[in-house]
PDB file of all heavy atoms in Angstrom:
ATOM      1  N   MET A   1       9.606  -1.553 -16.861  1.00  0.00           N
ATOM      2  CA  MET A   1      10.430  -2.690 -17.361  1.00  0.00           C
ATOM      3  C   MET A   1      11.524  -2.211 -18.311  1.00  0.00           C
ATOM      4  O   MET A   1      12.639  -2.772 -18.352  1.00  0.00           O
ATOM      5  CB  MET A   1       9.511  -3.708 -18.044  1.00  0.00           C
ATOM      6  CG  MET A   1       8.603  -4.424 -17.056  1.00  0.00           C
ATOM      7  SD  MET A   1       7.949  -6.016 -17.691  1.00  0.00           S
ATOM      8  CE  MET A   1       9.383  -7.029 -17.755  1.00  0.00           C
ATOM      9  N   LEU A   2      11.223  -1.184 -19.107  1.00  0.00           N
ATOM     10  CA  LEU A   2      12.247  -0.604 -19.952  1.00  0.00           C
ATOM     11  C   LEU A   2      13.388  -0.040 -19.098  1.00  0.00           C
ATOM     12  O   LEU A   2      14.565  -0.258 -19.423  1.00  0.00           O
ATOM     13  CB  LEU A   2      11.695   0.495 -20.849  1.00  0.00           C
ATOM     14  CG  LEU A   2      12.731   1.249 -21.719  1.00  0.00           C
ATOM     15  CD1 LEU A   2      13.432   0.273 -22.671  1.00  0.00           C
ATOM     16  CD2 LEU A   2      12.115   2.386 -22.434  1.00  0.00           C
ATOM     17  N   ILE A   3      13.048   0.704 -18.067  1.00  0.00           N
ATOM     18  CA  ILE A   3      14.067   1.262 -17.185  1.00  0.00           C
ATOM     19  C   ILE A   3      14.982   0.140 -16.569  1.00  0.00           C
ATOM     20  O   ILE A   3      16.183   0.252 -16.527  1.00  0.00           O
ATOM     21  CB  ILE A   3      13.431   2.100 -16.057  1.00  0.00           C
ATOM     22  CG1 ILE A   3      12.803   3.358 -16.680  1.00  0.00           C
ATOM     23  CG2 ILE A   3      14.449   2.479 -14.988  1.00  0.00           C
ATOM     24  CD1 ILE A   3      11.887   4.093 -15.705  1.00  0.00           C
ATOM     25  N   ILE A   4      14.303  -0.969 -16.137  1.00  0.00           N
ATOM     26  CA  ILE A   4      15.033  -2.047 -15.586  1.00  0.00           C
ATOM     27  C   ILE A   4      15.974  -2.710 -16.545  1.00  0.00           C
ATOM     28  O   ILE A   4      17.142  -3.022 -16.258  1.00  0.00           O
ATOM     29  CB  ILE A   4      14.005  -3.107 -14.985  1.00  0.00           C
ATOM     30  CG1 ILE A   4      13.291  -2.520 -13.789  1.00  0.00           C
ATOM     31  CG2 ILE A   4      14.780  -4.360 -14.585  1.00  0.00           C
ATOM     32  CD1 ILE A   4      12.149  -3.378 -13.301  1.00  0.00           C
ATOM     33  N   TYR A   5      15.441  -2.907 -17.818  1.00  0.00           N
ATOM     34  CA  TYR A   5      16.184  -3.670 -18.814  1.00  0.00           C
ATOM     35  C   TYR A   5      17.010  -2.767 -19.762  1.00  0.00           C
ATOM     36  O   TYR A   5      17.701  -3.233 -20.645  1.00  0.00           O
ATOM     37  CB  TYR A   5      15.259  -4.485 -19.641  1.00  0.00           C
ATOM     38  CG  TYR A   5      14.974  -5.846 -19.028  1.00  0.00           C
ATOM     39  CD1 TYR A   5      13.926  -5.981 -18.105  1.00  0.00           C
ATOM     40  CD2 TYR A   5      15.748  -6.961 -19.307  1.00  0.00           C
ATOM     41  CE1 TYR A   5      13.669  -7.205 -17.478  1.00  0.00           C
ATOM     42  CE2 TYR A   5      15.475  -8.168 -18.738  1.00  0.00           C
ATOM     43  CZ  TYR A   5      14.442  -8.317 -17.785  1.00  0.00           C
ATOM     44  OH  TYR A   5      14.196  -9.495 -17.171  1.00  0.00           O
ATOM     45  N   TYR A   6      16.956  -1.453 -19.514  1.00  0.00           N
ATOM     46  CA  TYR A   6      17.620  -0.522 -20.416  1.00  0.00           C
ATOM     47  C   TYR A   6      19.104  -0.848 -20.635  1.00  0.00           C
ATOM     48  O   TYR A   6      19.616  -0.836 -21.783  1.00  0.00           O
ATOM     49  CB  TYR A   6      17.468   0.891 -19.912  1.00  0.00           C
ATOM     50  CG  TYR A   6      18.037   1.932 -20.868  1.00  0.00           C
ATOM     51  CD1 TYR A   6      17.344   2.267 -22.033  1.00  0.00           C
ATOM     52  CD2 TYR A   6      19.228   2.575 -20.590  1.00  0.00           C
ATOM     53  CE1 TYR A   6      17.906   3.217 -22.893  1.00  0.00           C
ATOM     54  CE2 TYR A   6      19.786   3.535 -21.450  1.00  0.00           C
ATOM     55  CZ  TYR A   6      19.095   3.822 -22.591  1.00  0.00           C
ATOM     56  OH  TYR A   6      19.625   4.741 -23.496  1.00  0.00           O
ATOM     57  N   PRO A   7      19.875  -1.174 -19.567  1.00  0.00           N
ATOM     58  CA  PRO A   7      21.307  -1.504 -19.796  1.00  0.00           C
ATOM     59  C   PRO A   7      21.498  -2.681 -20.730  1.00  0.00           C
ATOM     60  O   PRO A   7      22.437  -2.695 -21.536  1.00  0.00           O
ATOM     61  CB  PRO A   7      21.792  -1.827 -18.386  1.00  0.00           C
ATOM     62  CG  PRO A   7      20.928  -1.067 -17.477  1.00  0.00           C
ATOM     63  CD  PRO A   7      19.549  -1.150 -18.149  1.00  0.00           C
ATOM     64  N   ALA A   8      20.604  -3.649 -20.718  1.00  0.00           N
ATOM     65  CA  ALA A   8      20.771  -4.839 -21.560  1.00  0.00           C
ATOM     66  C   ALA A   8      20.428  -4.589 -23.010  1.00  0.00           C
ATOM     67  O   ALA A   8      20.866  -5.358 -23.883  1.00  0.00           O
ATOM     68  CB  ALA A   8      19.887  -5.994 -21.009  1.00  0.00           C
ATOM     69  N   VAL A   9      19.661  -3.560 -23.311  1.00  0.00           N
ATOM     70  CA  VAL A   9      19.268  -3.295 -24.710  1.00  0.00           C
ATOM     71  C   VAL A   9      19.914  -2.080 -25.271  1.00  0.00           C
ATOM     72  O   VAL A   9      19.712  -1.766 -26.443  1.00  0.00           O
ATOM     73  CB  VAL A   9      17.717  -3.193 -24.827  1.00  0.00           C
ATOM     74  CG1 VAL A   9      17.035  -4.427 -24.330  1.00  0.00           C
ATOM     75  CG2 VAL A   9      17.166  -1.984 -24.066  1.00  0.00           C
ATOM     76  N   SER A  10      20.711  -1.368 -24.466  1.00  0.00           N
ATOM     77  CA  SER A  10      21.348  -0.097 -24.921  1.00  0.00           C
ATOM     78  C   SER A  10      22.832  -0.080 -24.925  1.00  0.00           C
ATOM     79  O   SER A  10      23.452   0.810 -25.505  1.00  0.00           O
ATOM     80  CB  SER A  10      20.829   1.032 -24.032  1.00  0.00           C
ATOM     81  OG  SER A  10      21.365   0.909 -22.755  1.00  0.00           O
ATOM     82  N   GLY A  11      23.466  -1.012 -24.253  1.00  0.00           N
ATOM     83  CA  GLY A  11      24.935  -1.024 -24.155  1.00  0.00           C
ATOM     84  C   GLY A  11      25.481  -0.224 -22.989  1.00  0.00           C
ATOM     85  O   GLY A  11      26.662  -0.078 -22.879  1.00  0.00           O
ATOM     86  N   LEU A  12      24.590   0.281 -22.140  1.00  0.00           N
ATOM     87  CA  LEU A  12      25.040   1.068 -20.982  1.00  0.00           C
ATOM     88  C   LEU A  12      25.879   0.196 -20.081  1.00  0.00           C
ATOM     89  O   LEU A  12      25.544  -0.936 -19.760  1.00  0.00           O
ATOM     90  CB  LEU A  12      23.810   1.578 -20.213  1.00  0.00           C
ATOM     91  CG  LEU A  12      24.077   2.480 -18.982  1.00  0.00           C
ATOM     92  CD1 LEU A  12      24.619   3.843 -19.460  1.00  0.00           C
ATOM     93  CD2 LEU A  12      22.779   2.684 -18.211  1.00  0.00           C
ATOM     94  N   THR A  13      27.076   0.729 -19.709  1.00  0.00           N
ATOM     95  CA  THR A  13      27.966  -0.064 -18.868  1.00  0.00           C
ATOM     96  C   THR A  13      27.490  -0.150 -17.395  1.00  0.00           C
ATOM     97  O   THR A  13      27.300   0.913 -16.778  1.00  0.00           O
ATOM     98  CB  THR A  13      29.383   0.551 -18.877  1.00  0.00           C
ATOM     99  OG1 THR A  13      29.854   0.526 -20.251  1.00  0.00           O
ATOM    100  CG2 THR A  13      30.344  -0.297 -18.062  1.00  0.00           C
ATOM    101  N   VAL A  14      27.218  -1.334 -16.933  1.00  0.00           N
ATOM    102  CA  VAL A  14      26.796  -1.517 -15.539  1.00  0.00           C
ATOM    103  C   VAL A  14      27.535  -2.741 -14.999  1.00  0.00           C
ATOM    104  O   VAL A  14      28.370  -3.334 -15.691  1.00  0.00           O
ATOM    105  CB  VAL A  14      25.271  -1.792 -15.475  1.00  0.00           C
ATOM    106  CG1 VAL A  14      24.482  -0.529 -15.868  1.00  0.00           C
ATOM    107  CG2 VAL A  14      24.872  -2.972 -16.321  1.00  0.00           C
ATOM    108  N   SER A  15      27.259  -3.138 -13.767  1.00  0.00           N
ATOM    109  CA  SER A  15      27.950  -4.288 -13.197  1.00  0.00           C
ATOM    110  C   SER A  15      27.465  -5.571 -13.924  1.00  0.00           C
ATOM    111  O   SER A  15      26.275  -5.684 -14.335  1.00  0.00           O
ATOM    112  CB  SER A  15      27.640  -4.404 -11.696  1.00  0.00           C
ATOM    113  OG  SER A  15      26.313  -4.804 -11.499  1.00  0.00           O
ATOM    114  N   ALA A  16      28.385  -6.517 -14.020  1.00  0.00           N
ATOM    115  CA  ALA A  16      28.013  -7.789 -14.628  1.00  0.00           C
ATOM    116  C   ALA A  16      26.926  -8.507 -13.885  1.00  0.00           C
ATOM    117  O   ALA A  16      26.095  -9.217 -14.445  1.00  0.00           O
ATOM    118  CB  ALA A  16      29.264  -8.660 -14.782  1.00  0.00           C
ATOM    119  N   LYS A  17      26.950  -8.353 -12.580  1.00  0.00           N
ATOM    120  CA  LYS A  17      25.942  -9.021 -11.718  1.00  0.00           C
ATOM    121  C   LYS A  17      24.538  -8.495 -12.049  1.00  0.00           C
ATOM    122  O   LYS A  17      23.591  -9.269 -12.028  1.00  0.00           O
ATOM    123  CB  LYS A  17      26.252  -8.783 -10.249  1.00  0.00           C
ATOM    124  CG  LYS A  17      27.426  -9.545  -9.721  1.00  0.00           C
ATOM    125  CD  LYS A  17      27.609  -9.329  -8.244  1.00  0.00           C
ATOM    126  CE  LYS A  17      28.817 -10.134  -7.691  1.00  0.00           C
ATOM    127  NZ  LYS A  17      29.030  -9.882  -6.227  1.00  0.00           N
ATOM    128  N   TYR A  18      24.425  -7.207 -12.347  1.00  0.00           N
ATOM    129  CA  TYR A  18      23.111  -6.631 -12.645  1.00  0.00           C
ATOM    130  C   TYR A  18      22.578  -7.237 -13.969  1.00  0.00           C
ATOM    131  O   TYR A  18      21.416  -7.631 -14.052  1.00  0.00           O
ATOM    132  CB  TYR A  18      23.171  -5.100 -12.792  1.00  0.00           C
ATOM    133  CG  TYR A  18      21.824  -4.443 -13.072  1.00  0.00           C
ATOM    134  CD1 TYR A  18      20.941  -4.203 -12.022  1.00  0.00           C
ATOM    135  CD2 TYR A  18      21.396  -4.168 -14.356  1.00  0.00           C
ATOM    136  CE1 TYR A  18      19.711  -3.616 -12.246  1.00  0.00           C
ATOM    137  CE2 TYR A  18      20.167  -3.600 -14.604  1.00  0.00           C
ATOM    138  CZ  TYR A  18      19.328  -3.336 -13.549  1.00  0.00           C
ATOM    139  OH  TYR A  18      18.076  -2.792 -13.791  1.00  0.00           O
ATOM    140  N   ILE A  19      23.433  -7.360 -15.012  1.00  0.00           N
ATOM    141  CA  ILE A  19      22.986  -7.928 -16.260  1.00  0.00           C
ATOM    142  C   ILE A  19      22.549  -9.340 -16.026  1.00  0.00           C
ATOM    143  O   ILE A  19      21.521  -9.835 -16.577  1.00  0.00           O
ATOM    144  CB  ILE A  19      24.125  -7.824 -17.305  1.00  0.00           C
ATOM    145  CG1 ILE A  19      24.422  -6.394 -17.658  1.00  0.00           C
ATOM    146  CG2 ILE A  19      23.740  -8.643 -18.557  1.00  0.00           C
ATOM    147  CD1 ILE A  19      23.264  -5.657 -18.321  1.00  0.00           C
ATOM    148  N   ASP A  20      23.332 -10.109 -15.213  1.00  0.00           N
ATOM    149  CA  ASP A  20      22.987 -11.524 -14.993  1.00  0.00           C
ATOM    150  C   ASP A  20      21.635 -11.675 -14.299  1.00  0.00           C
ATOM    151  O   ASP A  20      20.919 -12.616 -14.505  1.00  0.00           O
ATOM    152  CB  ASP A  20      24.090 -12.177 -14.157  1.00  0.00           C
ATOM    153  CG  ASP A  20      25.365 -12.385 -14.949  1.00  0.00           C
ATOM    154  OD1 ASP A  20      25.277 -12.434 -16.184  1.00  0.00           O
ATOM    155  OD2 ASP A  20      26.461 -12.438 -14.346  1.00  0.00           O
ATOM    156  N   MET A  21      21.271 -10.695 -13.435  1.00  0.00           N
ATOM    157  CA  MET A  21      20.003 -10.721 -12.732  1.00  0.00           C
ATOM    158  C   MET A  21      18.803 -10.571 -13.685  1.00  0.00           C
ATOM    159  O   MET A  21      17.710 -11.033 -13.419  1.00  0.00           O
ATOM    160  CB  MET A  21      19.967  -9.595 -11.692  1.00  0.00           C
ATOM    161  CG  MET A  21      20.772  -9.835 -10.451  1.00  0.00           C
ATOM    162  SD  MET A  21      20.843  -8.358  -9.386  1.00  0.00           S
ATOM    163  CE  MET A  21      19.105  -8.030  -9.147  1.00  0.00           C
ATOM    164  N   LEU A  22      19.048  -9.964 -14.833  1.00  0.00           N
ATOM    165  CA  LEU A  22      17.949  -9.694 -15.823  1.00  0.00           C
ATOM    166  C   LEU A  22      17.577 -10.966 -16.632  1.00  0.00           C
ATOM    167  O   LEU A  22      16.560 -10.968 -17.266  1.00  0.00           O
ATOM    168  CB  LEU A  22      18.383  -8.578 -16.763  1.00  0.00           C
ATOM    169  CG  LEU A  22      18.691  -7.229 -16.134  1.00  0.00           C
ATOM    170  CD1 LEU A  22      19.125  -6.231 -17.200  1.00  0.00           C
ATOM    171  CD2 LEU A  22      17.507  -6.685 -15.347  1.00  0.00           C
ATOM    172  N   LYS A  23      18.408 -11.977 -16.556  1.00  0.00           N
ATOM    173  CA  LYS A  23      18.135 -13.152 -17.387  1.00  0.00           C
ATOM    174  C   LYS A  23      17.138 -14.071 -16.686  1.00  0.00           C
ATOM    175  O   LYS A  23      17.438 -15.055 -16.038  1.00  0.00           O
ATOM    176  CB  LYS A  23      19.466 -13.897 -17.601  1.00  0.00           C
ATOM    177  CG  LYS A  23      20.519 -13.088 -18.304  1.00  0.00           C
ATOM    178  CD  LYS A  23      21.862 -13.752 -18.376  1.00  0.00           C
ATOM    179  CE  LYS A  23      22.958 -12.912 -18.964  1.00  0.00           C
ATOM    180  NZ  LYS A  23      24.274 -13.524 -18.916  1.00  0.00           N
ATOM    181  N   ILE A  24      15.871 -13.727 -16.913  1.00  0.00           N
ATOM    182  CA  ILE A  24      14.798 -14.457 -16.231  1.00  0.00           C
ATOM    183  C   ILE A  24      14.465 -15.781 -16.894  1.00  0.00           C
ATOM    184  O   ILE A  24      13.667 -16.547 -16.371  1.00  0.00           O
ATOM    185  CB  ILE A  24      13.525 -13.571 -16.091  1.00  0.00           C
ATOM    186  CG1 ILE A  24      13.025 -13.161 -17.490  1.00  0.00           C
ATOM    187  CG2 ILE A  24      13.843 -12.337 -15.237  1.00  0.00           C
ATOM    188  CD1 ILE A  24      11.746 -12.391 -17.446  1.00  0.00           C
ATOM    189  N   MET A  25      15.012 -16.001 -18.091  1.00  0.00           N
ATOM    190  CA  MET A  25      14.823 -17.252 -18.749  1.00  0.00           C
ATOM    191  C   MET A  25      16.222 -17.923 -18.956  1.00  0.00           C
ATOM    192  O   MET A  25      17.189 -17.197 -19.271  1.00  0.00           O
ATOM    193  CB  MET A  25      14.133 -17.075 -20.153  1.00  0.00           C
ATOM    194  CG  MET A  25      12.752 -16.527 -20.041  1.00  0.00           C
ATOM    195  SD  MET A  25      11.965 -16.539 -21.672  1.00  0.00           S
ATOM    196  CE  MET A  25      10.529 -15.495 -21.422  1.00  0.00           C
ATOM    197  N   LYS A  26      16.318 -19.229 -18.884  1.00  0.00           N
ATOM    198  CA  LYS A  26      17.545 -19.931 -19.083  1.00  0.00           C
ATOM    199  C   LYS A  26      18.081 -19.739 -20.536  1.00  0.00           C
ATOM    200  O   LYS A  26      19.249 -19.819 -20.760  1.00  0.00           O
ATOM    201  CB  LYS A  26      17.383 -21.398 -18.784  1.00  0.00           C
ATOM    202  CG  LYS A  26      17.183 -21.735 -17.307  1.00  0.00           C
ATOM    203  CD  LYS A  26      17.057 -23.188 -17.044  1.00  0.00           C
ATOM    204  CE  LYS A  26      16.909 -23.506 -15.566  1.00  0.00           C
ATOM    205  NZ  LYS A  26      16.778 -24.960 -15.304  1.00  0.00           N
TER     206      LYS A  26
END
């Protein structure tokens, strides 16, 4: 789960679509 969410908690630049996929709660 850390590997999956690492971009969202570290600032790593990835696609915006990937970050949006991580938002499992509204």
